[in-house]
């Protein structure tokens, strides 16, 4: 079973008549608030300095940008 990730992948249609080399797997990132619903009470909080660095007070809403190809094997 795969671990939960905010990066999603899909395989677009590749036309045999496309003049450009195809990109067989594309990806996009989803924000964490899509999976949270209403904010529950007593969520853990970052310390103030860490919250400024992360851009949010709550770790549940923190989503680091990992880059387009970070952590993915090329096909």
PDB file of N, CA and C in Angstrom:
ATOM      1  N   UNK A   1       0.839  -1.186   0.000  1.00  0.00           N
ATOM      2  CA  UNK A   1       0.000   0.000   0.000  1.00  0.00           C
ATOM      3  C   UNK A   1       0.879   1.242   0.000  1.00  0.00           C
ATOM      4  N   UNK A   2       0.500   2.228  -0.804  1.00  0.00           N
ATOM      5  CA  UNK A   2       1.282   3.457  -0.892  1.00  0.00           C
ATOM      6  C   UNK A   2       1.005   4.365   0.291  1.00  0.00           C
ATOM      7  N   UNK A   3       2.033   5.082   0.703  1.00  0.00           N
ATOM      8  CA  UNK A   3       1.885   6.075   1.758  1.00  0.00           C
ATOM      9  C   UNK A   3       1.190   7.307   1.181  1.00  0.00           C
ATOM     10  N   UNK A   4       0.419   8.010   1.996  1.00  0.00           N
ATOM     11  CA  UNK A   4      -0.288   9.203   1.552  1.00  0.00           C
ATOM     12  C   UNK A   4       0.701  10.260   1.081  1.00  0.00           C
ATOM     13  N   UNK A   5       0.397  10.873  -0.028  1.00  0.00           N
ATOM     14  CA  UNK A   5       1.223  11.941  -0.552  1.00  0.00           C
ATOM     15  C   UNK A   5       0.329  13.017  -1.151  1.00  0.00           C
ATOM     16  N   UNK A   6       0.799  14.256  -1.122  1.00  0.00           N
ATOM     17  CA  UNK A   6       0.030  15.348  -1.694  1.00  0.00           C
ATOM     18  C   UNK A   6       0.324  15.519  -3.174  1.00  0.00           C
ATOM     19  N   UNK A   7       1.313  14.836  -3.692  1.00  0.00           N
ATOM     20  CA  UNK A   7       1.603  14.875  -5.124  1.00  0.00           C
ATOM     21  C   UNK A   7       0.841  13.750  -5.805  1.00  0.00           C
ATOM     22  N   UNK A   8       0.099  14.108  -6.835  1.00  0.00           N
ATOM     23  CA  UNK A   8      -0.697  13.147  -7.595  1.00  0.00           C
ATOM     24  C   UNK A   8      -0.103  13.005  -8.996  1.00  0.00           C
ATOM     25  N   UNK A   9      -0.236  11.836  -9.587  1.00  0.00           N
ATOM     26  CA  UNK A   9       0.288  11.544 -10.917  1.00  0.00           C
ATOM     27  C   UNK A   9      -0.835  11.065 -11.815  1.00  0.00           C
ATOM     28  N   UNK A  10      -0.708  11.361 -13.091  1.00  0.00           N
ATOM     29  CA  UNK A  10      -1.654  10.829 -14.068  1.00  0.00           C
ATOM     30  C   UNK A  10      -0.937  10.633 -15.395  1.00  0.00           C
ATOM     31  N   UNK A  11      -1.519   9.793 -16.235  1.00  0.00           N
ATOM     32  CA  UNK A  11      -0.948   9.504 -17.545  1.00  0.00           C
ATOM     33  C   UNK A  11      -1.871  10.081 -18.622  1.00  0.00           C
ATOM     34  N   UNK A  12      -1.443  11.159 -19.291  1.00  0.00           N
ATOM     35  CA  UNK A  12      -2.277  11.755 -20.329  1.00  0.00           C
ATOM     36  C   UNK A  12      -2.254  10.912 -21.608  1.00  0.00           C
ATOM     37  N   UNK A  13      -3.216  11.172 -22.459  1.00  0.00           N
ATOM     38  CA  UNK A  13      -3.265  10.506 -23.753  1.00  0.00           C
ATOM     39  C   UNK A  13      -2.080  10.970 -24.595  1.00  0.00           C
ATOM     40  N   UNK A  14      -1.408  10.033 -25.231  1.00  0.00           N
ATOM     41  CA  UNK A  14      -0.287  10.341 -26.112  1.00  0.00           C
ATOM     42  C   UNK A  14      -0.712  10.000 -27.531  1.00  0.00           C
ATOM     43  N   UNK A  15      -0.808  11.021 -28.354  1.00  0.00           N
ATOM     44  CA  UNK A  15      -1.236  10.825 -29.734  1.00  0.00           C
ATOM     45  C   UNK A  15      -0.074  10.311 -30.578  1.00  0.00           C
ATOM     46  N   UNK A  16      -0.346   9.400 -31.494  1.00  0.00           N
ATOM     47  CA  UNK A  16       0.733   8.955 -32.379  1.00  0.00           C
ATOM     48  C   UNK A  16       1.134  10.036 -33.386  1.00  0.00           C
ATOM     49  N   UNK A  17       0.321  11.080 -33.524  1.00  0.00           N
ATOM     50  CA  UNK A  17       0.599  12.149 -34.473  1.00  0.00           C
ATOM     51  C   UNK A  17       1.169  13.405 -33.818  1.00  0.00           C
ATOM     52  N   UNK A  18       1.466  13.358 -32.544  1.00  0.00           N
ATOM     53  CA  UNK A  18       2.011  14.508 -31.840  1.00  0.00           C
ATOM     54  C   UNK A  18       3.450  14.743 -32.299  1.00  0.00           C
ATOM     55  N   UNK A  19       3.771  15.963 -32.751  1.00  0.00           N
ATOM     56  CA  UNK A  19       5.131  16.209 -33.255  1.00  0.00           C
ATOM     57  C   UNK A  19       6.180  16.339 -32.140  1.00  0.00           C
ATOM     58  N   UNK A  20       5.749  16.558 -30.922  1.00  0.00           N
ATOM     59  CA  UNK A  20       6.682  16.732 -29.805  1.00  0.00           C
ATOM     60  C   UNK A  20       6.877  15.414 -29.072  1.00  0.00           C
ATOM     61  N   UNK A  21       8.021  15.243 -28.398  1.00  0.00           N
ATOM     62  CA  UNK A  21       8.190  14.039 -27.587  1.00  0.00           C
ATOM     63  C   UNK A  21       7.164  14.041 -26.446  1.00  0.00           C
ATOM     64  N   UNK A  22       6.521  12.920 -26.191  1.00  0.00           N
ATOM     65  CA  UNK A  22       5.451  12.897 -25.186  1.00  0.00           C
ATOM     66  C   UNK A  22       5.981  12.927 -23.766  1.00  0.00           C
ATOM     67  N   UNK A  23       5.191  13.517 -22.889  1.00  0.00           N
ATOM     68  CA  UNK A  23       5.419  13.434 -21.451  1.00  0.00           C
ATOM     69  C   UNK A  23       4.451  12.368 -20.968  1.00  0.00           C
ATOM     70  N   UNK A  24       4.962  11.216 -20.628  1.00  0.00           N
ATOM     71  CA  UNK A  24       4.094  10.070 -20.336  1.00  0.00           C
ATOM     72  C   UNK A  24       3.443  10.141 -18.965  1.00  0.00           C
ATOM     73  N   UNK A  25       4.121  10.747 -17.987  1.00  0.00           N
ATOM     74  CA  UNK A  25       3.556  10.874 -16.642  1.00  0.00           C
ATOM     75  C   UNK A  25       3.637  12.339 -16.232  1.00  0.00           C
ATOM     76  N   UNK A  26       2.501  12.921 -15.861  1.00  0.00           N
ATOM     77  CA  UNK A  26       2.467  14.303 -15.383  1.00  0.00           C
ATOM     78  C   UNK A  26       2.077  14.291 -13.915  1.00  0.00           C
ATOM     79  N   UNK A  27       2.420  15.364 -13.205  1.00  0.00           N
ATOM     80  CA  UNK A  27       2.112  15.411 -11.777  1.00  0.00           C
ATOM     81  C   UNK A  27       1.644  16.795 -11.374  1.00  0.00           C
ATOM     82  N   UNK A  28       0.964  16.848 -10.237  1.00  0.00           N
ATOM     83  CA  UNK A  28       0.531  18.107  -9.652  1.00  0.00           C
ATOM     84  C   UNK A  28       0.429  17.916  -8.147  1.00  0.00           C
ATOM     85  N   UNK A  29       0.448  19.020  -7.415  1.00  0.00           N
ATOM     86  CA  UNK A  29       0.356  18.951  -5.953  1.00  0.00           C
ATOM     87  C   UNK A  29      -0.995  19.455  -5.489  1.00  0.00           C
ATOM     88  N   UNK A  30      -1.519  18.825  -4.456  1.00  0.00           N
ATOM     89  CA  UNK A  30      -2.780  19.251  -3.857  1.00  0.00           C
ATOM     90  C   UNK A  30      -2.485  19.861  -2.486  1.00  0.00           C
ATOM     91  N   UNK A  31      -3.181  20.929  -2.125  1.00  0.00           N
ATOM     92  CA  UNK A  31      -2.933  21.552  -0.822  1.00  0.00           C
ATOM     93  C   UNK A  31      -3.506  20.713   0.315  1.00  0.00           C
ATOM     94  N   UNK A  32      -2.883  20.753   1.495  1.00  0.00           N
ATOM     95  CA  UNK A  32      -3.320  19.908   2.606  1.00  0.00           C
ATOM     96  C   UNK A  32      -4.710  20.250   3.133  1.00  0.00           C
ATOM     97  N   UNK A  33      -5.181  21.497   2.968  1.00  0.00           N
ATOM     98  CA  UNK A  33      -6.496  21.841   3.514  1.00  0.00           C
ATOM     99  C   UNK A  33      -7.627  21.101   2.791  1.00  0.00           C
ATOM    100  N   UNK A  34      -7.362  20.532   1.627  1.00  0.00           N
ATOM    101  CA  UNK A  34      -8.389  19.737   0.945  1.00  0.00           C
ATOM    102  C   UNK A  34      -8.768  18.496   1.746  1.00  0.00           C
ATOM    103  N   UNK A  35      -7.848  17.986   2.530  1.00  0.00           N
ATOM    104  CA  UNK A  35      -8.055  16.739   3.263  1.00  0.00           C
ATOM    105  C   UNK A  35      -8.418  16.959   4.729  1.00  0.00           C
ATOM    106  N   UNK A  36      -8.479  18.207   5.160  1.00  0.00           N
ATOM    107  CA  UNK A  36      -8.692  18.482   6.575  1.00  0.00           C
ATOM    108  C   UNK A  36     -10.154  18.729   6.917  1.00  0.00           C
ATOM    109  N   UNK A  37     -10.933  19.326   6.030  1.00  0.00           N
ATOM    110  CA  UNK A  37     -12.317  19.677   6.363  1.00  0.00           C
ATOM    111  C   UNK A  37     -12.318  20.843   7.333  1.00  0.00           C
ATOM    112  N   UNK A  38     -13.164  20.783   8.345  1.00  0.00           N
ATOM    113  CA  UNK A  38     -13.178  21.828   9.361  1.00  0.00           C
ATOM    114  C   UNK A  38     -11.981  21.659  10.281  1.00  0.00           C
ATOM    115  N   UNK A  39     -11.458  22.778  10.738  1.00  0.00           N
ATOM    116  CA  UNK A  39     -10.283  22.728  11.597  1.00  0.00           C
ATOM    117  C   UNK A  39     -10.681  22.207  12.972  1.00  0.00           C
ATOM    118  N   UNK A  40     -10.134  21.059  13.384  1.00  0.00           N
ATOM    119  CA  UNK A  40     -10.480  20.511  14.694  1.00  0.00           C
ATOM    120  C   UNK A  40      -9.858  21.322  15.831  1.00  0.00           C
ATOM    121  N   UNK A  41     -10.430  21.173  17.009  1.00  0.00           N
ATOM    122  CA  UNK A  41      -9.888  21.833  18.194  1.00  0.00           C
ATOM    123  C   UNK A  41      -8.566  21.198  18.596  1.00  0.00           C
ATOM    124  N   UNK A  42      -7.735  21.991  19.256  1.00  0.00           N
ATOM    125  CA  UNK A  42      -6.480  21.532  19.866  1.00  0.00           C
ATOM    126  C   UNK A  42      -5.501  20.910  18.872  1.00  0.00           C
ATOM    127  N   UNK A  43      -5.410  21.496  17.678  1.00  0.00           N
ATOM    128  CA  UNK A  43      -4.386  21.032  16.749  1.00  0.00           C
ATOM    129  C   UNK A  43      -3.016  21.398  17.301  1.00  0.00           C
ATOM    130  N   UNK A  44      -2.019  20.546  17.121  1.00  0.00           N
ATOM    131  CA  UNK A  44      -0.671  20.909  17.566  1.00  0.00           C
ATOM    132  C   UNK A  44      -0.182  22.133  16.795  1.00  0.00           C
ATOM    133  N   UNK A  45       0.684  22.921  17.423  1.00  0.00           N
ATOM    134  CA  UNK A  45       1.184  24.141  16.809  1.00  0.00           C
ATOM    135  C   UNK A  45       2.696  24.137  16.778  1.00  0.00           C
ATOM    136  N   UNK A  46       3.249  24.804  15.748  1.00  0.00           N
ATOM    137  CA  UNK A  46       4.689  25.021  15.691  1.00  0.00           C
ATOM    138  C   UNK A  46       5.071  26.072  16.722  1.00  0.00           C
ATOM    139  N   UNK A  47       6.317  26.082  17.112  1.00  0.00           N
ATOM    140  CA  UNK A  47       6.847  27.186  17.912  1.00  0.00           C
ATOM    141  C   UNK A  47       6.887  28.417  16.992  1.00  0.00           C
ATOM    142  N   UNK A  48       6.849  29.642  17.546  1.00  0.00           N
ATOM    143  CA  UNK A  48       6.757  30.846  16.699  1.00  0.00           C
ATOM    144  C   UNK A  48       7.833  30.946  15.609  1.00  0.00           C
ATOM    145  N   UNK A  49       9.084  30.656  15.943  1.00  0.00           N
ATOM    146  CA  UNK A  49      10.146  30.749  14.938  1.00  0.00           C
ATOM    147  C   UNK A  49       9.943  29.723  13.820  1.00  0.00           C
ATOM    148  N   UNK A  50       9.566  28.511  14.198  1.00  0.00           N
ATOM    149  CA  UNK A  50       9.317  27.463  13.201  1.00  0.00           C
ATOM    150  C   UNK A  50       8.095  27.808  12.359  1.00  0.00           C
ATOM    151  N   UNK A  51       7.064  28.410  12.953  1.00  0.00           N
ATOM    152  CA  UNK A  51       5.861  28.804  12.217  1.00  0.00           C
ATOM    153  C   UNK A  51       6.189  29.855  11.163  1.00  0.00           C
ATOM    154  N   UNK A  52       7.068  30.805  11.485  1.00  0.00           N
ATOM    155  CA  UNK A  52       7.481  31.795  10.501  1.00  0.00           C
ATOM    156  C   UNK A  52       8.242  31.150   9.352  1.00  0.00           C
ATOM    157  N   UNK A  53       9.058  30.176   9.663  1.00  0.00           N
ATOM    158  CA  UNK A  53       9.825  29.489   8.631  1.00  0.00           C
ATOM    159  C   UNK A  53       8.905  28.671   7.717  1.00  0.00           C
ATOM    160  N   UNK A  54       7.913  27.994   8.297  1.00  0.00           N
ATOM    161  CA  UNK A  54       7.021  27.123   7.536  1.00  0.00           C
ATOM    162  C   UNK A  54       5.871  27.876   6.868  1.00  0.00           C
ATOM    163  N   UNK A  55       5.540  29.062   7.367  1.00  0.00           N
ATOM    164  CA  UNK A  55       4.454  29.825   6.772  1.00  0.00           C
ATOM    165  C   UNK A  55       3.084  29.477   7.306  1.00  0.00           C
ATOM    166  N   UNK A  56       3.020  28.655   8.331  1.00  0.00           N
ATOM    167  CA  UNK A  56       1.746  28.291   8.950  1.00  0.00           C
ATOM    168  C   UNK A  56       1.992  27.955  10.409  1.00  0.00           C
ATOM    169  N   UNK A  57       0.976  28.126  11.216  1.00  0.00           N
ATOM    170  CA  UNK A  57       1.099  27.825  12.636  1.00  0.00           C
ATOM    171  C   UNK A  57       0.886  26.334  12.919  1.00  0.00           C
ATOM    172  N   UNK A  58       0.146  25.647  12.048  1.00  0.00           N
ATOM    173  CA  UNK A  58      -0.234  24.256  12.302  1.00  0.00           C
ATOM    174  C   UNK A  58       0.516  23.298  11.386  1.00  0.00           C
ATOM    175  N   UNK A  59       1.148  22.287  11.945  1.00  0.00           N
ATOM    176  CA  UNK A  59       1.855  21.305  11.122  1.00  0.00           C
ATOM    177  C   UNK A  59       0.940  20.567  10.146  1.00  0.00           C
ATOM    178  N   UNK A  60      -0.330  20.411  10.482  1.00  0.00           N
ATOM    179  CA  UNK A  60      -1.255  19.709   9.587  1.00  0.00           C
ATOM    180  C   UNK A  60      -1.480  20.468   8.284  1.00  0.00           C
ATOM    181  N   UNK A  61      -1.227  21.787   8.278  1.00  0.00           N
ATOM    182  CA  UNK A  61      -1.422  22.593   7.071  1.00  0.00           C
ATOM    183  C   UNK A  61      -0.118  22.918   6.360  1.00  0.00           C
ATOM    184  N   UNK A  62       0.975  22.363   6.828  1.00  0.00           N
ATOM    185  CA  UNK A  62       2.279  22.628   6.215  1.00  0.00           C
ATOM    186  C   UNK A  62       2.483  21.693   5.037  1.00  0.00           C
ATOM    187  N   UNK A  63       2.855  22.265   3.905  1.00  0.00           N
ATOM    188  CA  UNK A  63       3.120  21.485   2.703  1.00  0.00           C
ATOM    189  C   UNK A  63       4.391  21.999   2.050  1.00  0.00           C
ATOM    190  N   UNK A  64       5.522  21.340   2.265  1.00  0.00           N
ATOM    191  CA  UNK A  64       6.752  21.823   1.649  1.00  0.00           C
ATOM    192  C   UNK A  64       6.728  21.581   0.146  1.00  0.00           C
ATOM    193  N   UNK A  65       7.299  22.505  -0.608  1.00  0.00           N
ATOM    194  CA  UNK A  65       7.406  22.317  -2.047  1.00  0.00           C
ATOM    195  C   UNK A  65       8.625  21.450  -2.304  1.00  0.00           C
ATOM    196  N   UNK A  66       8.417  20.318  -2.933  1.00  0.00           N
ATOM    197  CA  UNK A  66       9.499  19.364  -3.130  1.00  0.00           C
ATOM    198  C   UNK A  66      10.079  19.409  -4.535  1.00  0.00           C
ATOM    199  N   UNK A  67       9.590  20.271  -5.379  1.00  0.00           N
ATOM    200  CA  UNK A  67      10.088  20.345  -6.745  1.00  0.00           C
ATOM    201  C   UNK A  67       9.387  19.335  -7.629  1.00  0.00           C
ATOM    202  N   UNK A  68       9.500  19.546  -8.910  1.00  0.00           N
ATOM    203  CA  UNK A  68       8.750  18.716  -9.849  1.00  0.00           C
ATOM    204  C   UNK A  68       9.230  17.268  -9.882  1.00  0.00           C
ATOM    205  N   UNK A  69      10.536  17.052  -9.839  1.00  0.00           N
ATOM    206  CA  UNK A  69      11.059  15.703 -10.001  1.00  0.00           C
ATOM    207  C   UNK A  69      11.723  15.153  -8.751  1.00  0.00           C
ATOM    208  N   UNK A  70      11.535  15.806  -7.622  1.00  0.00           N
ATOM    209  CA  UNK A  70      12.192  15.358  -6.396  1.00  0.00           C
ATOM    210  C   UNK A  70      11.574  14.048  -5.917  1.00  0.00           C
ATOM    211  N   UNK A  71      12.389  13.078  -5.635  1.00  0.00           N
ATOM    212  CA  UNK A  71      11.905  11.820  -5.063  1.00  0.00           C
ATOM    213  C   UNK A  71      11.207  10.910  -6.048  1.00  0.00           C
ATOM    214  N   UNK A  72      11.385  11.132  -7.334  1.00  0.00           N
ATOM    215  CA  UNK A  72      10.700  10.316  -8.328  1.00  0.00           C
ATOM    216  C   UNK A  72      11.729   9.751  -9.310  1.00  0.00           C
ATOM    217  N   UNK A  73      11.634   8.481  -9.594  1.00  0.00           N
ATOM    218  CA  UNK A  73      12.540   7.867 -10.559  1.00  0.00           C
ATOM    219  C   UNK A  73      12.086   8.215 -11.966  1.00  0.00           C
ATOM    220  N   UNK A  74      13.030   8.489 -12.829  1.00  0.00           N
ATOM    221  CA  UNK A  74      12.695   8.783 -14.223  1.00  0.00           C
ATOM    222  C   UNK A  74      12.364   7.482 -14.927  1.00  0.00           C
ATOM    223  N   UNK A  75      11.444   7.569 -15.852  1.00  0.00           N
ATOM    224  CA  UNK A  75      11.048   6.373 -16.598  1.00  0.00           C
ATOM    225  C   UNK A  75      11.861   6.238 -17.857  1.00  0.00           C
TER     226      UNK A  75
END
